[in-house]
PDB file of N, CA and C in Angstrom:
ATOM      1  N   MET A   1       0.828  -1.203   0.000  1.00  0.00           N
ATOM      2  CA  MET A   1       0.000   0.000   0.000  1.00  0.00           C
ATOM      3  C   MET A   1       0.871   1.266   0.000  1.00  0.00           C
ATOM      4  N   ARG A   2       2.036   1.191   0.647  1.00  0.00           N
ATOM      5  CA  ARG A   2       2.906   2.364   0.672  1.00  0.00           C
ATOM      6  C   ARG A   2       3.339   2.731  -0.733  1.00  0.00           C
ATOM      7  N   ILE A   3       3.620   1.738  -1.554  1.00  0.00           N
ATOM      8  CA  ILE A   3       4.074   1.998  -2.919  1.00  0.00           C
ATOM      9  C   ILE A   3       2.958   2.661  -3.730  1.00  0.00           C
ATOM     10  N   VAL A   4       1.717   2.244  -3.513  1.00  0.00           N
ATOM     11  CA  VAL A   4       0.582   2.862  -4.198  1.00  0.00           C
ATOM     12  C   VAL A   4       0.452   4.323  -3.773  1.00  0.00           C
ATOM     13  N   ARG A   5       0.566   4.584  -2.482  1.00  0.00           N
ATOM     14  CA  ARG A   5       0.502   5.969  -1.996  1.00  0.00           C
ATOM     15  C   ARG A   5       1.663   6.788  -2.544  1.00  0.00           C
ATOM     16  N   HIS A   6       2.846   6.170  -2.614  1.00  0.00           N
ATOM     17  CA  HIS A   6       4.025   6.870  -3.119  1.00  0.00           C
ATOM     18  C   HIS A   6       3.837   7.269  -4.585  1.00  0.00           C
ATOM     19  N   ARG A   7       3.302   6.379  -5.387  1.00  0.00           N
ATOM     20  CA  ARG A   7       3.049   6.695  -6.799  1.00  0.00           C
ATOM     21  C   ARG A   7       2.038   7.832  -6.932  1.00  0.00           C
ATOM     22  N   ARG A   8       1.029   7.825  -6.080  1.00  0.00           N
ATOM     23  CA  ARG A   8       0.013   8.874  -6.115  1.00  0.00           C
ATOM     24  C   ARG A   8       0.622  10.234  -5.760  1.00  0.00           C
ATOM     25  N   VAL A   9       1.504  10.252  -4.770  1.00  0.00           N
ATOM     26  CA  VAL A   9       2.168  11.494  -4.373  1.00  0.00           C
ATOM     27  C   VAL A   9       3.122  11.964  -5.463  1.00  0.00           C
ATOM     28  N   ARG A  10       3.841  11.042  -6.093  1.00  0.00           N
ATOM     29  CA  ARG A  10       4.829  11.394  -7.120  1.00  0.00           C
ATOM     30  C   ARG A  10       4.197  11.947  -8.395  1.00  0.00           C
ATOM     31  N   LYS A  11       2.904  11.658  -8.627  1.00  0.00           N
ATOM     32  CA  LYS A  11       2.224  12.242  -9.774  1.00  0.00           C
ATOM     33  C   LYS A  11       2.131  13.753  -9.634  1.00  0.00           C
ATOM     34  N   LYS A  12       2.053  14.226  -8.396  1.00  0.00           N
ATOM     35  CA  LYS A  12       1.833  15.647  -8.134  1.00  0.00           C
ATOM     36  C   LYS A  12       3.118  16.413  -7.870  1.00  0.00           C
ATOM     37  N   ILE A  13       4.152  15.756  -7.377  1.00  0.00           N
ATOM     38  CA  ILE A  13       5.379  16.440  -6.974  1.00  0.00           C
ATOM     39  C   ILE A  13       6.473  16.200  -8.000  1.00  0.00           C
ATOM     40  N   GLN A  14       7.050  17.294  -8.486  1.00  0.00           N
ATOM     41  CA  GLN A  14       8.134  17.223  -9.456  1.00  0.00           C
ATOM     42  C   GLN A  14       9.227  18.186  -9.005  1.00  0.00           C
ATOM     43  N   GLY A  15      10.441  17.708  -8.852  1.00  0.00           N
ATOM     44  CA  GLY A  15      11.545  18.562  -8.435  1.00  0.00           C
ATOM     45  C   GLY A  15      12.204  19.241  -9.624  1.00  0.00           C
ATOM     46  N   THR A  16      12.515  20.525  -9.481  1.00  0.00           N
ATOM     47  CA  THR A  16      13.210  21.270 -10.526  1.00  0.00           C
ATOM     48  C   THR A  16      14.529  21.771  -9.961  1.00  0.00           C
ATOM     49  N   SER A  17      15.308  22.438 -10.790  1.00  0.00           N
ATOM     50  CA  SER A  17      16.570  22.974 -10.287  1.00  0.00           C
ATOM     51  C   SER A  17      16.327  24.136  -9.333  1.00  0.00           C
ATOM     52  N   ALA A  18      15.234  24.879  -9.523  1.00  0.00           N
ATOM     53  CA  ALA A  18      14.907  25.982  -8.621  1.00  0.00           C
ATOM     54  C   ALA A  18      14.294  25.484  -7.319  1.00  0.00           C
ATOM     55  N   LYS A  19      13.491  24.412  -7.405  1.00  0.00           N
ATOM     56  CA  LYS A  19      12.826  23.855  -6.226  1.00  0.00           C
ATOM     57  C   LYS A  19      12.936  22.324  -6.283  1.00  0.00           C
ATOM     58  N   PRO A  20      14.067  21.768  -5.820  1.00  0.00           N
ATOM     59  CA  PRO A  20      14.254  20.315  -5.894  1.00  0.00           C
ATOM     60  C   PRO A  20      13.348  19.563  -4.924  1.00  0.00           C
ATOM     61  N   ARG A  21      13.253  18.263  -5.149  1.00  0.00           N
ATOM     62  CA  ARG A  21      12.379  17.393  -4.353  1.00  0.00           C
ATOM     63  C   ARG A  21      13.177  16.754  -3.220  1.00  0.00           C
ATOM     64  N   LEU A  22      12.617  16.782  -2.013  1.00  0.00           N
ATOM     65  CA  LEU A  22      13.214  16.099  -0.867  1.00  0.00           C
ATOM     66  C   LEU A  22      12.488  14.778  -0.690  1.00  0.00           C
ATOM     67  N   SER A  23      13.159  13.685  -1.006  1.00  0.00           N
ATOM     68  CA  SER A  23      12.587  12.352  -0.938  1.00  0.00           C
ATOM     69  C   SER A  23      13.017  11.667   0.356  1.00  0.00           C
ATOM     70  N   VAL A  24      12.068  10.983   1.014  1.00  0.00           N
ATOM     71  CA  VAL A  24      12.323  10.325   2.301  1.00  0.00           C
ATOM     72  C   VAL A  24      12.087   8.828   2.157  1.00  0.00           C
ATOM     73  N   PHE A  25      12.998   8.043   2.723  1.00  0.00           N
ATOM     74  CA  PHE A  25      12.813   6.600   2.853  1.00  0.00           C
ATOM     75  C   PHE A  25      13.186   6.215   4.274  1.00  0.00           C
ATOM     76  N   ARG A  26      12.353   5.408   4.882  1.00  0.00           N
ATOM     77  CA  ARG A  26      12.679   4.967   6.234  1.00  0.00           C
ATOM     78  C   ARG A  26      12.661   3.447   6.294  1.00  0.00           C
ATOM     79  N   SER A  27      13.671   2.914   6.958  1.00  0.00           N
ATOM     80  CA  SER A  27      13.723   1.482   7.205  1.00  0.00           C
ATOM     81  C   SER A  27      13.465   1.276   8.694  1.00  0.00           C
ATOM     82  N   LEU A  28      13.592   0.069   9.158  1.00  0.00           N
ATOM     83  CA  LEU A  28      13.335  -0.177  10.576  1.00  0.00           C
ATOM     84  C   LEU A  28      14.392   0.460  11.470  1.00  0.00           C
ATOM     85  N   LYS A  29      15.636   0.534  10.996  1.00  0.00           N
ATOM     86  CA  LYS A  29      16.715   1.094  11.812  1.00  0.00           C
ATOM     87  C   LYS A  29      17.117   2.512  11.427  1.00  0.00           C
ATOM     88  N   HIS A  30      17.036   2.856  10.143  1.00  0.00           N
ATOM     89  CA  HIS A  30      17.607   4.107   9.662  1.00  0.00           C
ATOM     90  C   HIS A  30      16.576   4.923   8.891  1.00  0.00           C
ATOM     91  N   ILE A  31      16.923   6.172   8.641  1.00  0.00           N
ATOM     92  CA  ILE A  31      16.113   7.037   7.788  1.00  0.00           C
ATOM     93  C   ILE A  31      17.048   7.684   6.767  1.00  0.00           C
ATOM     94  N   TYR A  32      16.573   7.791   5.531  1.00  0.00           N
ATOM     95  CA  TYR A  32      17.374   8.301   4.427  1.00  0.00           C
ATOM     96  C   TYR A  32      16.616   9.459   3.777  1.00  0.00           C
ATOM     97  N   ALA A  33      17.331  10.500   3.386  1.00  0.00           N
ATOM     98  CA  ALA A  33      16.718  11.642   2.709  1.00  0.00           C
ATOM     99  C   ALA A  33      17.627  12.093   1.576  1.00  0.00           C
ATOM    100  N   GLN A  34      17.009  12.431   0.448  1.00  0.00           N
ATOM    101  CA  GLN A  34      17.760  12.897  -0.718  1.00  0.00           C
ATOM    102  C   GLN A  34      17.088  14.145  -1.275  1.00  0.00           C
ATOM    103  N   VAL A  35      17.894  15.078  -1.729  1.00  0.00           N
ATOM    104  CA  VAL A  35      17.398  16.237  -2.464  1.00  0.00           C
ATOM    105  C   VAL A  35      17.698  15.958  -3.932  1.00  0.00           C
ATOM    106  N   ILE A  36      16.624  15.902  -4.747  1.00  0.00           N
ATOM    107  CA  ILE A  36      16.739  15.422  -6.119  1.00  0.00           C
ATOM    108  C   ILE A  36      16.240  16.483  -7.104  1.00  0.00           C
ATOM    109  N   ASP A  37      16.984  16.681  -8.181  1.00  0.00           N
ATOM    110  CA  ASP A  37      16.551  17.510  -9.304  1.00  0.00           C
ATOM    111  C   ASP A  37      16.017  16.555 -10.363  1.00  0.00           C
ATOM    112  N   ASP A  38      14.696  16.505 -10.538  1.00  0.00           N
ATOM    113  CA  ASP A  38      14.086  15.544 -11.457  1.00  0.00           C
ATOM    114  C   ASP A  38      14.254  15.917 -12.922  1.00  0.00           C
ATOM    115  N   THR A  39      14.532  17.174 -13.218  1.00  0.00           N
ATOM    116  CA  THR A  39      14.699  17.545 -14.628  1.00  0.00           C
ATOM    117  C   THR A  39      15.970  16.933 -15.206  1.00  0.00           C
ATOM    118  N   THR A  40      17.029  16.862 -14.395  1.00  0.00           N
ATOM    119  CA  THR A  40      18.270  16.238 -14.855  1.00  0.00           C
ATOM    120  C   THR A  40      18.441  14.817 -14.324  1.00  0.00           C
ATOM    121  N   GLY A  41      17.618  14.440 -13.345  1.00  0.00           N
ATOM    122  CA  GLY A  41      17.700  13.095 -12.779  1.00  0.00           C
ATOM    123  C   GLY A  41      18.908  12.888 -11.887  1.00  0.00           C
ATOM    124  N   THR A  42      19.333  13.945 -11.195  1.00  0.00           N
ATOM    125  CA  THR A  42      20.510  13.840 -10.338  1.00  0.00           C
ATOM    126  C   THR A  42      20.155  14.073  -8.878  1.00  0.00           C
ATOM    127  N   THR A  43      20.881  13.391  -8.010  1.00  0.00           N
ATOM    128  CA  THR A  43      20.758  13.605  -6.579  1.00  0.00           C
ATOM    129  C   THR A  43      21.749  14.689  -6.189  1.00  0.00           C
ATOM    130  N   LEU A  44      21.236  15.774  -5.630  1.00  0.00           N
ATOM    131  CA  LEU A  44      22.080  16.895  -5.247  1.00  0.00           C
ATOM    132  C   LEU A  44      22.712  16.677  -3.877  1.00  0.00           C
ATOM    133  N   ILE A  45      21.910  16.192  -2.923  1.00  0.00           N
ATOM    134  CA  ILE A  45      22.376  15.961  -1.555  1.00  0.00           C
ATOM    135  C   ILE A  45      21.740  14.669  -1.064  1.00  0.00           C
ATOM    136  N   ALA A  46      22.503  13.866  -0.342  1.00  0.00           N
ATOM    137  CA  ALA A  46      21.966  12.669   0.302  1.00  0.00           C
ATOM    138  C   ALA A  46      22.445  12.640   1.746  1.00  0.00           C
ATOM    139  N   MET A  47      21.551  12.288   2.656  1.00  0.00           N
ATOM    140  CA  MET A  47      21.885  12.269   4.076  1.00  0.00           C
ATOM    141  C   MET A  47      21.098  11.138   4.732  1.00  0.00           C
ATOM    142  N   SER A  48      21.714  10.478   5.683  1.00  0.00           N
ATOM    143  CA  SER A  48      21.026   9.424   6.426  1.00  0.00           C
ATOM    144  C   SER A  48      21.662   9.285   7.797  1.00  0.00           C
ATOM    145  N   THR A  49      21.113   8.401   8.597  1.00  0.00           N
ATOM    146  CA  THR A  49      21.691   8.150   9.915  1.00  0.00           C
ATOM    147  C   THR A  49      23.015   7.418   9.802  1.00  0.00           C
ATOM    148  N   GLU A  50      23.317   6.886   8.627  1.00  0.00           N
ATOM    149  CA  GLU A  50      24.584   6.186   8.408  1.00  0.00           C
ATOM    150  C   GLU A  50      25.668   7.095   7.827  1.00  0.00           C
ATOM    151  N   THR A  51      25.331   8.313   7.441  1.00  0.00           N
ATOM    152  CA  THR A  51      26.304   9.255   6.910  1.00  0.00           C
ATOM    153  C   THR A  51      27.269   9.659   8.017  1.00  0.00           C
ATOM    154  N   PRO A  52      28.578   9.670   7.749  1.00  0.00           N
ATOM    155  CA  PRO A  52      29.546   9.992   8.808  1.00  0.00           C
ATOM    156  C   PRO A  52      29.307  11.333   9.501  1.00  0.00           C
ATOM    157  N   ALA A  53      28.837  12.337   8.770  1.00  0.00           N
ATOM    158  CA  ALA A  53      28.583  13.647   9.380  1.00  0.00           C
ATOM    159  C   ALA A  53      27.479  13.572  10.427  1.00  0.00           C
ATOM    160  N   VAL A  54      26.507  12.707  10.209  1.00  0.00           N
ATOM    161  CA  VAL A  54      25.403  12.554  11.157  1.00  0.00           C
ATOM    162  C   VAL A  54      25.764  11.537  12.232  1.00  0.00           C
ATOM    163  N   ARG A  55      26.416  10.460  11.827  1.00  0.00           N
ATOM    164  CA  ARG A  55      26.749   9.386  12.764  1.00  0.00           C
ATOM    165  C   ARG A  55      27.618   9.897  13.916  1.00  0.00           C
ATOM    166  N   ASP A  56      28.499  10.863  13.613  1.00  0.00           N
ATOM    167  CA  ASP A  56      29.355  11.421  14.664  1.00  0.00           C
ATOM    168  C   ASP A  56      28.567  12.245  15.677  1.00  0.00           C
ATOM    169  N   ARG A  57      27.431  12.800  15.251  1.00  0.00           N
ATOM    170  CA  ARG A  57      26.623  13.629  16.147  1.00  0.00           C
ATOM    171  C   ARG A  57      25.585  12.837  16.926  1.00  0.00           C
ATOM    172  N   LEU A  58      25.385  11.556  16.583  1.00  0.00           N
ATOM    173  CA  LEU A  58      24.428  10.732  17.303  1.00  0.00           C
ATOM    174  C   LEU A  58      24.964  10.392  18.690  1.00  0.00           C
ATOM    175  N   GLU A  59      24.068  10.344  19.655  1.00  0.00           N
ATOM    176  CA  GLU A  59      24.443   9.995  21.020  1.00  0.00           C
ATOM    177  C   GLU A  59      23.904   8.620  21.356  1.00  0.00           C
ATOM    178  N   ALA A  60      24.539   7.958  22.306  1.00  0.00           N
ATOM    179  CA  ALA A  60      24.076   6.642  22.744  1.00  0.00           C
ATOM    180  C   ALA A  60      22.712   6.795  23.399  1.00  0.00           C
ATOM    181  N   GLY A  61      21.791   5.919  23.059  1.00  0.00           N
ATOM    182  CA  GLY A  61      20.460   5.949  23.649  1.00  0.00           C
ATOM    183  C   GLY A  61      19.511   6.938  23.000  1.00  0.00           C
ATOM    184  N   MET A  62      19.925   7.591  21.922  1.00  0.00           N
ATOM    185  CA  MET A  62      19.063   8.551  21.226  1.00  0.00           C
ATOM    186  C   MET A  62      17.989   7.791  20.462  1.00  0.00           C
ATOM    187  N   ASN A  63      16.723   8.192  20.633  1.00  0.00           N
ATOM    188  CA  ASN A  63      15.649   7.472  19.948  1.00  0.00           C
ATOM    189  C   ASN A  63      15.611   7.835  18.467  1.00  0.00           C
ATOM    190  N   ARG A  64      14.838   7.087  17.690  1.00  0.00           N
ATOM    191  CA  ARG A  64      14.846   7.236  16.238  1.00  0.00           C
ATOM    192  C   ARG A  64      14.217   8.547  15.783  1.00  0.00           C
ATOM    193  N   ILE A  65      13.288   9.093  16.551  1.00  0.00           N
ATOM    194  CA  ILE A  65      12.683  10.375  16.189  1.00  0.00           C
ATOM    195  C   ILE A  65      13.722  11.482  16.319  1.00  0.00           C
ATOM    196  N   ALA A  66      14.494  11.469  17.381  1.00  0.00           N
ATOM    197  CA  ALA A  66      15.558  12.464  17.555  1.00  0.00           C
ATOM    198  C   ALA A  66      16.628  12.304  16.474  1.00  0.00           C
ATOM    199  N   GLN A  67      16.933  11.061  16.100  1.00  0.00           N
ATOM    200  CA  GLN A  67      17.893  10.821  15.025  1.00  0.00           C
ATOM    201  C   GLN A  67      17.377  11.392  13.713  1.00  0.00           C
ATOM    202  N   SER A  68      16.083  11.234  13.443  1.00  0.00           N
ATOM    203  CA  SER A  68      15.491  11.750  12.209  1.00  0.00           C
ATOM    204  C   SER A  68      15.566  13.269  12.161  1.00  0.00           C
ATOM    205  N   LYS A  69      15.321  13.908  13.290  1.00  0.00           N
ATOM    206  CA  LYS A  69      15.402  15.363  13.346  1.00  0.00           C
ATOM    207  C   LYS A  69      16.826  15.829  13.076  1.00  0.00           C
ATOM    208  N   LEU A  70      17.796  15.096  13.607  1.00  0.00           N
ATOM    209  CA  LEU A  70      19.196  15.417  13.387  1.00  0.00           C
ATOM    210  C   LEU A  70      19.576  15.278  11.907  1.00  0.00           C
ATOM    211  N   VAL A  71      19.057  14.247  11.246  1.00  0.00           N
ATOM    212  CA  VAL A  71      19.295  14.058   9.810  1.00  0.00           C
ATOM    213  C   VAL A  71      18.709  15.231   9.031  1.00  0.00           C
ATOM    214  N   GLY A  72      17.501  15.655   9.404  1.00  0.00           N
ATOM    215  CA  GLY A  72      16.866  16.789   8.738  1.00  0.00           C
ATOM    216  C   GLY A  72      17.650  18.077   8.909  1.00  0.00           C
ATOM    217  N   GLN A  73      18.164  18.309  10.102  1.00  0.00           N
ATOM    218  CA  GLN A  73      18.949  19.513  10.341  1.00  0.00           C
ATOM    219  C   GLN A  73      20.245  19.493   9.527  1.00  0.00           C
ATOM    220  N   ALA A  74      20.911  18.341   9.488  1.00  0.00           N
ATOM    221  CA  ALA A  74      22.157  18.222   8.726  1.00  0.00           C
ATOM    222  C   ALA A  74      21.901  18.411   7.233  1.00  0.00           C
ATOM    223  N   LEU A  75      20.804  17.847   6.734  1.00  0.00           N
ATOM    224  CA  LEU A  75      20.462  17.992   5.322  1.00  0.00           C
ATOM    225  C   LEU A  75      20.134  19.447   5.001  1.00  0.00           C
ATOM    226  N   GLY A  76      19.415  20.116   5.878  1.00  0.00           N
ATOM    227  CA  GLY A  76      19.082  21.520   5.659  1.00  0.00           C
ATOM    228  C   GLY A  76      20.305  22.410   5.639  1.00  0.00           C
ATOM    229  N   GLU A  77      21.260  22.140   6.533  1.00  0.00           N
ATOM    230  CA  GLU A  77      22.493  22.923   6.562  1.00  0.00           C
ATOM    231  C   GLU A  77      23.284  22.742   5.272  1.00  0.00           C
ATOM    232  N   LYS A  78      23.364  21.502   4.812  1.00  0.00           N
ATOM    233  CA  LYS A  78      24.096  21.204   3.574  1.00  0.00           C
ATOM    234  C   LYS A  78      23.410  21.859   2.367  1.00  0.00           C
ATOM    235  N   ALA A  79      22.071  21.857   2.364  1.00  0.00           N
ATOM    236  CA  ALA A  79      21.332  22.477   1.263  1.00  0.00           C
ATOM    237  C   ALA A  79      21.543  23.992   1.249  1.00  0.00           C
ATOM    238  N   LYS A  80      21.591  24.605   2.422  1.00  0.00           N
ATOM    239  CA  LYS A  80      21.829  26.043   2.507  1.00  0.00           C
ATOM    240  C   LYS A  80      23.214  26.389   1.955  1.00  0.00           C
ATOM    241  N   GLU A  81      24.202  25.533   2.238  1.00  0.00           N
ATOM    242  CA  GLU A  81      25.549  25.746   1.717  1.00  0.00           C
ATOM    243  C   GLU A  81      25.569  25.720   0.192  1.00  0.00           C
ATOM    244  N   GLN A  82      24.702  24.883  -0.407  1.00  0.00           N
ATOM    245  CA  GLN A  82      24.657  24.771  -1.861  1.00  0.00           C
ATOM    246  C   GLN A  82      23.719  25.783  -2.500  1.00  0.00           C
ATOM    247  N   GLY A  83      23.105  26.654  -1.693  1.00  0.00           N
ATOM    248  CA  GLY A  83      22.252  27.707  -2.229  1.00  0.00           C
ATOM    249  C   GLY A  83      20.819  27.306  -2.477  1.00  0.00           C
ATOM    250  N   ILE A  84      20.375  26.220  -1.877  1.00  0.00           N
ATOM    251  CA  ILE A  84      18.986  25.783  -2.025  1.00  0.00           C
ATOM    252  C   ILE A  84      18.186  26.378  -0.871  1.00  0.00           C
ATOM    253  N   SER A  85      17.078  27.060  -1.199  1.00  0.00           N
ATOM    254  CA  SER A  85      16.266  27.671  -0.147  1.00  0.00           C
ATOM    255  C   SER A  85      14.848  27.118  -0.106  1.00  0.00           C
ATOM    256  N   GLN A  86      14.361  26.541  -1.216  1.00  0.00           N
ATOM    257  CA  GLN A  86      13.024  25.971  -1.265  1.00  0.00           C
ATOM    258  C   GLN A  86      13.095  24.541  -1.782  1.00  0.00           C
ATOM    259  N   ILE A  87      12.227  23.688  -1.223  1.00  0.00           N
ATOM    260  CA  ILE A  87      12.160  22.302  -1.666  1.00  0.00           C
ATOM    261  C   ILE A  87      10.708  21.858  -1.739  1.00  0.00           C
ATOM    262  N   ALA A  88      10.464  20.802  -2.488  1.00  0.00           N
ATOM    263  CA  ALA A  88       9.161  20.137  -2.520  1.00  0.00           C
ATOM    264  C   ALA A  88       9.312  18.855  -1.707  1.00  0.00           C
ATOM    265  N   PHE A  89       8.470  18.654  -0.707  1.00  0.00           N
ATOM    266  CA  PHE A  89       8.609  17.520   0.210  1.00  0.00           C
ATOM    267  C   PHE A  89       7.869  16.308  -0.329  1.00  0.00           C
ATOM    268  N   ASP A  90       8.600  15.214  -0.544  1.00  0.00           N
ATOM    269  CA  ASP A  90       8.045  13.937  -0.990  1.00  0.00           C
ATOM    270  C   ASP A  90       8.166  12.961   0.168  1.00  0.00           C
ATOM    271  N   ARG A  91       7.065  12.679   0.824  1.00  0.00           N
ATOM    272  CA  ARG A  91       7.095  11.833   2.022  1.00  0.00           C
ATOM    273  C   ARG A  91       7.212  10.348   1.695  1.00  0.00           C
ATOM    274  N   GLY A  92       7.254  10.001   0.437  1.00  0.00           N
ATOM    275  CA  GLY A  92       7.510   8.628   0.034  1.00  0.00           C
ATOM    276  C   GLY A  92       6.391   7.653   0.332  1.00  0.00           C
ATOM    277  N   GLY A  93       5.161   8.132   0.464  1.00  0.00           N
ATOM    278  CA  GLY A  93       4.047   7.256   0.757  1.00  0.00           C
ATOM    279  C   GLY A  93       3.854   6.987   2.234  1.00  0.00           C
ATOM    280  N   TYR A  94       4.736   7.505   3.066  1.00  0.00           N
ATOM    281  CA  TYR A  94       4.607   7.327   4.510  1.00  0.00           C
ATOM    282  C   TYR A  94       3.666   8.393   5.058  1.00  0.00           C
ATOM    283  N   LEU A  95       3.042   8.104   6.177  1.00  0.00           N
ATOM    284  CA  LEU A  95       2.213   9.099   6.839  1.00  0.00           C
ATOM    285  C   LEU A  95       3.092  10.226   7.361  1.00  0.00           C
ATOM    286  N   TYR A  96       2.578  11.439   7.342  1.00  0.00           N
ATOM    287  CA  TYR A  96       3.321  12.587   7.868  1.00  0.00           C
ATOM    288  C   TYR A  96       3.164  12.559   9.388  1.00  0.00           C
ATOM    289  N   HIS A  97       3.970  11.686  10.001  1.00  0.00           N
ATOM    290  CA  HIS A  97       3.838  11.427  11.426  1.00  0.00           C
ATOM    291  C   HIS A  97       5.126  10.783  11.911  1.00  0.00           C
ATOM    292  N   GLY A  98       5.488  11.006  13.142  1.00  0.00           N
ATOM    293  CA  GLY A  98       6.636  10.320  13.719  1.00  0.00           C
ATOM    294  C   GLY A  98       7.956  10.745  13.117  1.00  0.00           C
ATOM    295  N   ARG A  99       8.711   9.769  12.591  1.00  0.00           N
ATOM    296  CA  ARG A  99      10.051  10.041  12.076  1.00  0.00           C
ATOM    297  C   ARG A  99      10.045  10.927  10.842  1.00  0.00           C
ATOM    298  N   VAL A 100       9.049  10.769   9.978  1.00  0.00           N
ATOM    299  CA  VAL A 100       8.964  11.589   8.769  1.00  0.00           C
ATOM    300  C   VAL A 100       8.694  13.047   9.152  1.00  0.00           C
ATOM    301  N   LYS A 101       7.804  13.257  10.101  1.00  0.00           N
ATOM    302  CA  LYS A 101       7.502  14.616  10.572  1.00  0.00           C
ATOM    303  C   LYS A 101       8.715  15.225  11.270  1.00  0.00           C
ATOM    304  N   ALA A 102       9.431  14.432  12.054  1.00  0.00           N
ATOM    305  CA  ALA A 102      10.622  14.932  12.743  1.00  0.00           C
ATOM    306  C   ALA A 102      11.689  15.354  11.745  1.00  0.00           C
ATOM    307  N   LEU A 103      11.869  14.588  10.669  1.00  0.00           N
ATOM    308  CA  LEU A 103      12.831  14.960   9.639  1.00  0.00           C
ATOM    309  C   LEU A 103      12.419  16.275   8.985  1.00  0.00           C
ATOM    310  N   ALA A 104      11.132  16.417   8.670  1.00  0.00           N
ATOM    311  CA  ALA A 104      10.645  17.654   8.053  1.00  0.00           C
ATOM    312  C   ALA A 104      10.825  18.841   8.997  1.00  0.00           C
ATOM    313  N   ASP A 105      10.579  18.650  10.287  1.00  0.00           N
ATOM    314  CA  ASP A 105      10.771  19.726  11.260  1.00  0.00           C
ATOM    315  C   ASP A 105      12.238  20.139  11.347  1.00  0.00           C
ATOM    316  N   GLY A 106      13.132  19.166  11.297  1.00  0.00           N
ATOM    317  CA  GLY A 106      14.559  19.461  11.319  1.00  0.00           C
ATOM    318  C   GLY A 106      15.002  20.258  10.113  1.00  0.00           C
ATOM    319  N   VAL A 107      14.440  19.930   8.948  1.00  0.00           N
ATOM    320  CA  VAL A 107      14.774  20.661   7.724  1.00  0.00           C
ATOM    321  C   VAL A 107      14.253  22.094   7.821  1.00  0.00           C
ATOM    322  N   ARG A 108      13.030  22.255   8.333  1.00  0.00           N
ATOM    323  CA  ARG A 108      12.465  23.593   8.481  1.00  0.00           C
ATOM    324  C   ARG A 108      13.268  24.444   9.470  1.00  0.00           C
ATOM    325  N   GLU A 109      13.728  23.819  10.570  1.00  0.00           N
ATOM    326  CA  GLU A 109      14.510  24.552  11.574  1.00  0.00           C
ATOM    327  C   GLU A 109      15.811  25.065  10.991  1.00  0.00           C
ATOM    328  N   SER A 110      16.351  24.372  10.008  1.00  0.00           N
ATOM    329  CA  SER A 110      17.610  24.819   9.417  1.00  0.00           C
ATOM    330  C   SER A 110      17.410  25.933   8.393  1.00  0.00           C
ATOM    331  N   GLY A 111      16.151  26.272   8.083  1.00  0.00           N
ATOM    332  CA  GLY A 111      15.891  27.432   7.243  1.00  0.00           C
ATOM    333  C   GLY A 111      15.341  27.161   5.866  1.00  0.00           C
ATOM    334  N   LEU A 112      15.076  25.914   5.509  1.00  0.00           N
ATOM    335  CA  LEU A 112      14.497  25.619   4.195  1.00  0.00           C
ATOM    336  C   LEU A 112      12.988  25.794   4.238  1.00  0.00           C
ATOM    337  N   GLU A 113      12.403  26.188   3.110  1.00  0.00           N
ATOM    338  CA  GLU A 113      10.961  26.373   3.000  1.00  0.00           C
ATOM    339  C   GLU A 113      10.367  25.270   2.137  1.00  0.00           C
ATOM    340  N   PHE A 114       9.188  24.801   2.523  1.00  0.00           N
ATOM    341  CA  PHE A 114       8.485  23.779   1.742  1.00  0.00           C
ATOM    342  C   PHE A 114       7.483  24.463   0.847  1.00  0.00           C
TER     343      PHE A 114
END
């Protein structure tokens, strides 16, 4: 069912060079986020809980929601460095709740607009 929801969302959201798409994937242990320019088909930025920049900032005993927020903040900082100020949020068919919402909040806190 998630794949069906994801296809439905992707019909409406298209990333451009001016406003790239922020795609989210979550597994049981990790969360992954990519900023994608769909016109050229390239990934501009990729960040996850396994990325060394984020992994070094994780603390022992940190829950997955806090980890997701940290990933969002790191991705937002990196996007600001590359001159990206607006994005289109692609939740990947997941409900806008829990880890997905925490990642979006982290991105917003770093200064990106949806």
